[in-house]
Structures are given as structure tokens and as C-alpha cells.
């Protein structure tokens, strides 16, 4: 963002509804299965804001984006991965050499 804040942005987002669903940044190139999420390590960005629609999640200034390269929509109650995406810089980030991210999926 213009003020230096970094966000994970979901656009055109849709997932199944479920109990205790959180957004995880995963220390892996992908988060396609539950074992990857559990073994790679993750940072919990909090409860999902909704199962449909655009939304933003603020990333801590100390979050190492070279390490946390994927996102998972994770059901904590049942340890189920509802969906995942590898991350890459947005076009604007590439032009300005900052760390904004966009999902490939």
C-alpha cells in the first residue's frame, strides 16, 4: 500500500462455508494438501472475513515473504485445507519493487 502497509488481497474469492476457517500464510511453495500446511509451518492471519467476496488481510512488517510463499484457507476444527494458492508479486509490486502479492489461482 502507499503507506508501506502490506496486505494479502483476495479478489473474486469464493470458498465453502465451514466452522473455524482461518487464513494461513504457509512456509512453502504451495499448500495443496493438509500435510504440507502442517509440516511446512504457517502464520495464522485470523478468521476468514467471509466465504465470498474481495477481502484484505494485513501482513506484519516482519513477515518474511521469501519464506511464506503460499496461502491456505484452513478449517482449524477439522484440520482441513479448503483451498490454497501460491503467491507472486502483483504487477504494481514488480514495477515498484515492493512485496504486494497476488494469487495465481
Foldseek 3Di string as FASTA:
>chain_A
DVVQWEKAKDAQAAFDDDPQKWKWQFQDQKCAFLVRRVPRDTDTQGGDPDRGHMDIGTDDPPDDCVGRFKMFGARPVVSGTRDMFGWDADPVCVVVVHDYIDGPD
